[in-house]
Amino acid sequence: MARRNQHSREELQALAIQAVRDLVAEHGLEKLSVRKVAERIGYTAGMLYHVFANLDDLILQANADTLAQLLAAMIDCPSPAPREQLQHMAQVYVSMARDETALWKMVFMHQMQNAAAVPGWYLEKTATLFREVEARMDQLAQQQDTAQIHLAARTLWGSVHGIALLAADDKLVVAGDVDAQAMIESLLQHYLNSWAGE
C-alpha cells in the first residue's frame, strides 16, 4: 500500500469505501466500525473523520457505489420492450439479493444512527431506481396519470423487494420452496397485465 501522504482525499475515500464493502461481505454490517475500516486500509480512525462525517456517511457512500452498480446492471437489457426490461430489472434485483446478500442488505436495511435524516443526495440515488421503473410502466399504460404511475411503481417494486428479501434470507421454503425467479415472473405477468388493461 502507498504511504499515507501519497493518497489524495479522493483515493482515501475510495479505499475506505472498498474496505467497507469487503468487511461487510466478510462479517456483516452489524460488526462494521470506523476503526475496523481504518485498520483495514492502514489509517487511523481520526484520519477517516477528515473524509467522512461519521459511520453513517461512510456506509451511505459505500451504498451509493452498490446502488450505481445495481442500477447499471438493471438497465442493461438488450430488449427495447418495457415489459421485458422490467422483467430483467427484477431478475437482477433478486439475483443481487441472493448472490451479494450482505451488500444488498446494507443498501436496503441500514438505519441511520440516532434517527438522523437520510441526506438528500442519497435519497436522490434511491429515487433514480424508481424513476427507471416508472418510465417503463408509463410506456405500458400511457393513460395513467403521474400519481398513479408513482404509486404503481412502488407497489410493484415493494413486491419485488419482498421476494428478494425472502431469497436473501433463504426463507422461500415458507412459500413452499418456490423458485424466486418463477415468483418474479408470476408477479410481473399478473400485475403488468392488469396495469396495461390486458
C-alpha atoms as a PDB file:
ATOM      1  CA  MET A   1       0.000   0.000   0.000  1.00  0.00           C
ATOM      2  CA  ALA A   2       1.186   3.527  -0.698  1.00  0.00           C
ATOM      3  CA  ARG A   3       2.377   5.727   2.140  1.00  0.00           C
ATOM      4  CA  ARG A   4      -0.370   7.746   3.765  1.00  0.00           C
ATOM      5  CA  ASN A   5       0.760  11.034   2.318  1.00  0.00           C
ATOM      6  CA  GLN A   6       0.616   9.540  -1.168  1.00  0.00           C
ATOM      7  CA  HIS A   7      -3.167   9.181  -1.054  1.00  0.00           C
ATOM      8  CA  SER A   8      -5.333  12.096  -2.098  1.00  0.00           C
ATOM      9  CA  ARG A   9      -8.650  12.709  -0.348  1.00  0.00           C
ATOM     10  CA  GLU A  10     -10.446  11.010  -3.255  1.00  0.00           C
ATOM     11  CA  GLU A  11      -8.126   7.990  -3.133  1.00  0.00           C
ATOM     12  CA  LEU A  12      -8.572   7.654   0.611  1.00  0.00           C
ATOM     13  CA  GLN A  13     -12.328   7.833   0.157  1.00  0.00           C
ATOM     14  CA  ALA A  14     -12.214   5.090  -2.477  1.00  0.00           C
ATOM     15  CA  LEU A  15     -10.000   2.895  -0.272  1.00  0.00           C
ATOM     16  CA  ALA A  16     -12.361   3.293   2.674  1.00  0.00           C
ATOM     17  CA  ILE A  17     -15.458   2.557   0.603  1.00  0.00           C
ATOM     18  CA  GLN A  18     -13.909  -0.620  -0.776  1.00  0.00           C
ATOM     19  CA  ALA A  19     -12.881  -1.626   2.734  1.00  0.00           C
ATOM     20  CA  VAL A  20     -16.477  -1.159   3.900  1.00  0.00           C
ATOM     21  CA  ARG A  21     -17.722  -3.367   1.084  1.00  0.00           C
ATOM     22  CA  ASP A  22     -15.130  -6.042   1.857  1.00  0.00           C
ATOM     23  CA  LEU A  23     -15.711  -6.008   5.613  1.00  0.00           C
ATOM     24  CA  VAL A  24     -19.492  -6.153   5.268  1.00  0.00           C
ATOM     25  CA  ALA A  25     -19.243  -9.010   2.760  1.00  0.00           C
ATOM     26  CA  GLU A  26     -16.952 -10.876   5.158  1.00  0.00           C
ATOM     27  CA  HIS A  27     -18.511 -10.141   8.557  1.00  0.00           C
ATOM     28  CA  GLY A  28     -21.857  -8.389   8.085  1.00  0.00           C
ATOM     29  CA  LEU A  29     -22.978  -4.829   8.720  1.00  0.00           C
ATOM     30  CA  GLU A  30     -23.503  -5.236  12.453  1.00  0.00           C
ATOM     31  CA  LYS A  31     -19.745  -5.658  13.078  1.00  0.00           C
ATOM     32  CA  LEU A  32     -18.681  -2.688  10.975  1.00  0.00           C
ATOM     33  CA  SER A  33     -16.957   0.262  12.621  1.00  0.00           C
ATOM     34  CA  VAL A  34     -14.862   3.218  11.519  1.00  0.00           C
ATOM     35  CA  ARG A  35     -11.953   1.744  13.483  1.00  0.00           C
ATOM     36  CA  LYS A  36     -12.116  -1.544  11.575  1.00  0.00           C
ATOM     37  CA  VAL A  37     -12.276   0.274   8.247  1.00  0.00           C
ATOM     38  CA  ALA A  38      -9.265   2.381   9.236  1.00  0.00           C
ATOM     39  CA  GLU A  39      -7.310  -0.678  10.305  1.00  0.00           C
ATOM     40  CA  ARG A  40      -8.095  -2.439   7.026  1.00  0.00           C
ATOM     41  CA  ILE A  41      -6.557   0.386   4.972  1.00  0.00           C
ATOM     42  CA  GLY A  42      -3.714   1.298   7.333  1.00  0.00           C
ATOM     43  CA  TYR A  43      -5.028   4.612   8.620  1.00  0.00           C
ATOM     44  CA  THR A  44      -6.261   5.937  11.938  1.00  0.00           C
ATOM     45  CA  ALA A  45      -9.944   6.367  12.602  1.00  0.00           C
ATOM     46  CA  GLY A  46      -9.275  10.059  13.163  1.00  0.00           C
ATOM     47  CA  MET A  47      -7.964  10.391   9.615  1.00  0.00           C
ATOM     48  CA  LEU A  48     -11.176   8.909   8.225  1.00  0.00           C
ATOM     49  CA  TYR A  49     -13.202  11.504  10.119  1.00  0.00           C
ATOM     50  CA  HIS A  50     -11.499  14.114   7.952  1.00  0.00           C
ATOM     51  CA  VAL A  51     -13.062  12.445   4.912  1.00  0.00           C
ATOM     52  CA  PHE A  52     -16.397  11.140   6.261  1.00  0.00           C
ATOM     53  CA  ALA A  53     -18.700  12.798   8.754  1.00  0.00           C
ATOM     54  CA  ASN A  54     -19.400   9.565  10.664  1.00  0.00           C
ATOM     55  CA  LEU A  55     -20.077   5.863  10.193  1.00  0.00           C
ATOM     56  CA  ASP A  56     -23.450   6.591   8.572  1.00  0.00           C
ATOM     57  CA  ASP A  57     -21.759   8.778   5.971  1.00  0.00           C
ATOM     58  CA  LEU A  58     -19.234   6.048   5.238  1.00  0.00           C
ATOM     59  CA  ILE A  59     -21.974   3.436   4.853  1.00  0.00           C
ATOM     60  CA  LEU A  60     -24.091   5.685   2.632  1.00  0.00           C
ATOM     61  CA  GLN A  61     -21.114   6.406   0.379  1.00  0.00           C
ATOM     62  CA  ALA A  62     -20.485   2.655   0.040  1.00  0.00           C
ATOM     63  CA  ASN A  63     -24.183   2.070  -0.586  1.00  0.00           C
ATOM     64  CA  ALA A  64     -24.151   4.694  -3.330  1.00  0.00           C
ATOM     65  CA  ASP A  65     -21.496   2.646  -5.133  1.00  0.00           C
ATOM     66  CA  THR A  66     -23.582  -0.515  -4.757  1.00  0.00           C
ATOM     67  CA  LEU A  67     -26.705   1.282  -5.996  1.00  0.00           C
ATOM     68  CA  ALA A  68     -24.817   2.571  -9.038  1.00  0.00           C
ATOM     69  CA  GLN A  69     -23.655  -0.942  -9.906  1.00  0.00           C
ATOM     70  CA  LEU A  70     -27.117  -2.383  -9.320  1.00  0.00           C
ATOM     71  CA  LEU A  71     -28.805   0.248 -11.462  1.00  0.00           C
ATOM     72  CA  ALA A  72     -26.294  -0.165 -14.285  1.00  0.00           C
ATOM     73  CA  ALA A  73     -26.992  -3.900 -14.370  1.00  0.00           C
ATOM     74  CA  MET A  74     -30.749  -3.376 -14.121  1.00  0.00           C
ATOM     75  CA  ILE A  75     -30.966  -1.063 -17.130  1.00  0.00           C
ATOM     76  CA  ASP A  76     -28.535  -3.119 -19.220  1.00  0.00           C
ATOM     77  CA  CYS A  77     -31.247  -5.016 -21.082  1.00  0.00           C
ATOM     78  CA  PRO A  78     -30.983  -5.738 -24.816  1.00  0.00           C
ATOM     79  CA  SER A  79     -34.739  -5.615 -25.343  1.00  0.00           C
ATOM     80  CA  PRO A  80     -36.486  -2.297 -26.080  1.00  0.00           C
ATOM     81  CA  ALA A  81     -39.793  -3.690 -24.774  1.00  0.00           C
ATOM     82  CA  PRO A  82     -40.732  -2.163 -21.395  1.00  0.00           C
ATOM     83  CA  ARG A  83     -42.266  -5.387 -20.077  1.00  0.00           C
ATOM     84  CA  GLU A  84     -39.092  -7.343 -20.805  1.00  0.00           C
ATOM     85  CA  GLN A  85     -36.987  -4.543 -19.346  1.00  0.00           C
ATOM     86  CA  LEU A  86     -38.974  -4.676 -16.106  1.00  0.00           C
ATOM     87  CA  GLN A  87     -38.570  -8.444 -16.030  1.00  0.00           C
ATOM     88  CA  HIS A  88     -34.812  -8.038 -16.430  1.00  0.00           C
ATOM     89  CA  MET A  89     -34.660  -5.334 -13.756  1.00  0.00           C
ATOM     90  CA  ALA A  90     -36.491  -7.515 -11.248  1.00  0.00           C
ATOM     91  CA  GLN A  91     -34.330 -10.543 -12.000  1.00  0.00           C
ATOM     92  CA  VAL A  92     -31.140  -8.516 -11.494  1.00  0.00           C
ATOM     93  CA  TYR A  93     -32.501  -7.123  -8.228  1.00  0.00           C
ATOM     94  CA  VAL A  94     -33.354 -10.552  -6.840  1.00  0.00           C
ATOM     95  CA  SER A  95     -30.083 -12.052  -8.076  1.00  0.00           C
ATOM     96  CA  MET A  96     -28.075  -9.428  -6.209  1.00  0.00           C
ATOM     97  CA  ALA A  97     -30.089 -10.039  -3.053  1.00  0.00           C
ATOM     98  CA  ARG A  98     -29.322 -13.734  -3.297  1.00  0.00           C
ATOM     99  CA  ASP A  99     -25.712 -13.586  -4.527  1.00  0.00           C
ATOM    100  CA  GLU A 100     -24.392 -10.463  -2.743  1.00  0.00           C
ATOM    101  CA  THR A 101     -26.660 -10.572   0.256  1.00  0.00           C
ATOM    102  CA  ALA A 102     -24.549  -8.554   2.706  1.00  0.00           C
ATOM    103  CA  LEU A 103     -24.051  -5.634   0.319  1.00  0.00           C
ATOM    104  CA  TRP A 104     -27.684  -5.703  -0.821  1.00  0.00           C
ATOM    105  CA  LYS A 105     -28.895  -5.676   2.773  1.00  0.00           C
ATOM    106  CA  MET A 106     -26.549  -2.817   3.638  1.00  0.00           C
ATOM    107  CA  VAL A 107     -28.302  -0.713   0.977  1.00  0.00           C
ATOM    108  CA  PHE A 108     -31.842  -1.564   1.936  1.00  0.00           C
ATOM    109  CA  MET A 109     -31.638  -2.371   5.661  1.00  0.00           C
ATOM    110  CA  HIS A 110     -29.231   0.227   7.044  1.00  0.00           C
ATOM    111  CA  GLN A 111     -30.800   2.518   9.641  1.00  0.00           C
ATOM    112  CA  MET A 112     -29.326   5.940  10.380  1.00  0.00           C
ATOM    113  CA  GLN A 113     -27.960   6.337  13.903  1.00  0.00           C
ATOM    114  CA  ASN A 114     -29.937   8.441  16.385  1.00  0.00           C
ATOM    115  CA  ALA A 115     -32.836   8.655  13.913  1.00  0.00           C
ATOM    116  CA  ALA A 116     -30.854  11.088  11.777  1.00  0.00           C
ATOM    117  CA  ALA A 117     -32.413  12.168   8.496  1.00  0.00           C
ATOM    118  CA  VAL A 118     -31.198  10.484   5.342  1.00  0.00           C
ATOM    119  CA  PRO A 119     -29.349  13.126   3.308  1.00  0.00           C
ATOM    120  CA  GLY A 120     -30.950  14.433   0.147  1.00  0.00           C
ATOM    121  CA  TRP A 121     -28.126  13.333  -2.144  1.00  0.00           C
ATOM    122  CA  TYR A 122     -28.690   9.729  -1.065  1.00  0.00           C
ATOM    123  CA  LEU A 123     -32.463   9.916  -1.421  1.00  0.00           C
ATOM    124  CA  GLU A 124     -31.855  11.089  -4.989  1.00  0.00           C
ATOM    125  CA  LYS A 125     -29.778   7.957  -5.645  1.00  0.00           C
ATOM    126  CA  THR A 126     -32.581   5.670  -4.496  1.00  0.00           C
ATOM    127  CA  ALA A 127     -35.198   7.720  -6.349  1.00  0.00           C
ATOM    128  CA  THR A 128     -33.336   7.047  -9.595  1.00  0.00           C
ATOM    129  CA  LEU A 129     -34.220   3.367  -9.374  1.00  0.00           C
ATOM    130  CA  PHE A 130     -37.911   4.147  -9.039  1.00  0.00           C
ATOM    131  CA  ARG A 131     -37.771   6.601 -11.928  1.00  0.00           C
ATOM    132  CA  GLU A 132     -36.470   3.807 -14.159  1.00  0.00           C
ATOM    133  CA  VAL A 133     -39.376   1.593 -13.110  1.00  0.00           C
ATOM    134  CA  GLU A 134     -41.858   4.442 -13.572  1.00  0.00           C
ATOM    135  CA  ALA A 135     -40.605   5.204 -17.083  1.00  0.00           C
ATOM    136  CA  ARG A 136     -41.274   1.663 -18.216  1.00  0.00           C
ATOM    137  CA  MET A 137     -44.650   1.437 -16.530  1.00  0.00           C
ATOM    138  CA  ASP A 138     -45.617   4.706 -18.182  1.00  0.00           C
ATOM    139  CA  GLN A 139     -44.859   3.112 -21.564  1.00  0.00           C
ATOM    140  CA  LEU A 140     -47.160   0.209 -20.766  1.00  0.00           C
ATOM    141  CA  ALA A 141     -50.158   2.341 -19.745  1.00  0.00           C
ATOM    142  CA  GLN A 142     -49.800   5.870 -21.030  1.00  0.00           C
ATOM    143  CA  GLN A 143     -53.321   6.839 -19.998  1.00  0.00           C
ATOM    144  CA  GLN A 144     -52.360   6.741 -16.308  1.00  0.00           C
ATOM    145  CA  ASP A 145     -51.527   9.989 -14.551  1.00  0.00           C
ATOM    146  CA  THR A 146     -48.266  10.735 -12.743  1.00  0.00           C
ATOM    147  CA  ALA A 147     -49.628   9.931  -9.285  1.00  0.00           C
ATOM    148  CA  GLN A 148     -50.938   6.543 -10.436  1.00  0.00           C
ATOM    149  CA  ILE A 149     -47.616   5.680 -12.087  1.00  0.00           C
ATOM    150  CA  HIS A 150     -45.733   6.758  -8.962  1.00  0.00           C
ATOM    151  CA  LEU A 151     -47.887   4.533  -6.753  1.00  0.00           C
ATOM    152  CA  ALA A 152     -47.878   1.553  -9.129  1.00  0.00           C
ATOM    153  CA  ALA A 153     -44.089   1.587  -9.494  1.00  0.00           C
ATOM    154  CA  ARG A 154     -43.633   1.496  -5.729  1.00  0.00           C
ATOM    155  CA  THR A 155     -46.327  -1.121  -5.255  1.00  0.00           C
ATOM    156  CA  LEU A 156     -44.737  -3.374  -7.849  1.00  0.00           C
ATOM    157  CA  TRP A 157     -41.213  -2.852  -6.573  1.00  0.00           C
ATOM    158  CA  GLY A 158     -42.292  -3.352  -2.978  1.00  0.00           C
ATOM    159  CA  SER A 159     -43.488  -6.795  -4.028  1.00  0.00           C
ATOM    160  CA  VAL A 160     -40.248  -7.490  -5.895  1.00  0.00           C
ATOM    161  CA  HIS A 161     -38.338  -6.400  -2.793  1.00  0.00           C
ATOM    162  CA  GLY A 162     -40.322  -8.820  -0.640  1.00  0.00           C
ATOM    163  CA  ILE A 163     -39.383 -11.730  -2.892  1.00  0.00           C
ATOM    164  CA  ALA A 164     -35.772 -10.541  -2.919  1.00  0.00           C
ATOM    165  CA  LEU A 165     -35.712 -10.401   0.872  1.00  0.00           C
ATOM    166  CA  LEU A 166     -37.067 -13.933   1.152  1.00  0.00           C
ATOM    167  CA  ALA A 167     -34.422 -15.099  -1.313  1.00  0.00           C
ATOM    168  CA  ALA A 168     -31.662 -13.241   0.552  1.00  0.00           C
ATOM    169  CA  ASP A 169     -32.655 -14.834   3.860  1.00  0.00           C
ATOM    170  CA  ASP A 170     -33.195 -18.245   2.251  1.00  0.00           C
ATOM    171  CA  LYS A 171     -36.770 -18.161   3.522  1.00  0.00           C
ATOM    172  CA  LEU A 172     -38.598 -19.150   0.352  1.00  0.00           C
ATOM    173  CA  VAL A 173     -39.264 -22.505   1.976  1.00  0.00           C
ATOM    174  CA  VAL A 174     -42.104 -20.759   3.842  1.00  0.00           C
ATOM    175  CA  ALA A 175     -43.717 -20.233   0.439  1.00  0.00           C
ATOM    176  CA  GLY A 176     -43.390 -23.915  -0.401  1.00  0.00           C
ATOM    177  CA  ASP A 177     -39.816 -23.634  -1.686  1.00  0.00           C
ATOM    178  CA  VAL A 178     -40.910 -21.859  -4.869  1.00  0.00           C
ATOM    179  CA  ASP A 179     -38.157 -20.554  -7.144  1.00  0.00           C
ATOM    180  CA  ALA A 180     -37.625 -16.807  -6.719  1.00  0.00           C
ATOM    181  CA  GLN A 181     -37.397 -16.184 -10.448  1.00  0.00           C
ATOM    182  CA  ALA A 182     -40.649 -18.054 -11.026  1.00  0.00           C
ATOM    183  CA  MET A 183     -42.299 -15.862  -8.391  1.00  0.00           C
ATOM    184  CA  ILE A 184     -40.952 -12.729 -10.098  1.00  0.00           C
ATOM    185  CA  GLU A 185     -42.279 -13.888 -13.477  1.00  0.00           C
ATOM    186  CA  SER A 186     -45.712 -14.610 -11.998  1.00  0.00           C
ATOM    187  CA  LEU A 187     -45.818 -11.290 -10.155  1.00  0.00           C
ATOM    188  CA  LEU A 188     -44.856  -9.211 -13.174  1.00  0.00           C
ATOM    189  CA  GLN A 189     -47.104 -11.094 -15.566  1.00  0.00           C
ATOM    190  CA  HIS A 190     -50.229 -10.623 -13.486  1.00  0.00           C
ATOM    191  CA  TYR A 191     -49.516  -7.116 -12.207  1.00  0.00           C
ATOM    192  CA  LEU A 192     -48.437  -5.730 -15.560  1.00  0.00           C
ATOM    193  CA  ASN A 193     -51.328  -7.395 -17.392  1.00  0.00           C
ATOM    194  CA  SER A 194     -53.716  -5.643 -15.034  1.00  0.00           C
ATOM    195  CA  TRP A 195     -51.779  -2.381 -15.271  1.00  0.00           C
ATOM    196  CA  ALA A 196     -51.829  -2.437 -19.064  1.00  0.00           C
ATOM    197  CA  GLY A 197     -55.533  -3.354 -19.129  1.00  0.00           C
ATOM    198  CA  GLU A 198     -54.987  -6.715 -20.767  1.00  0.00           C
END
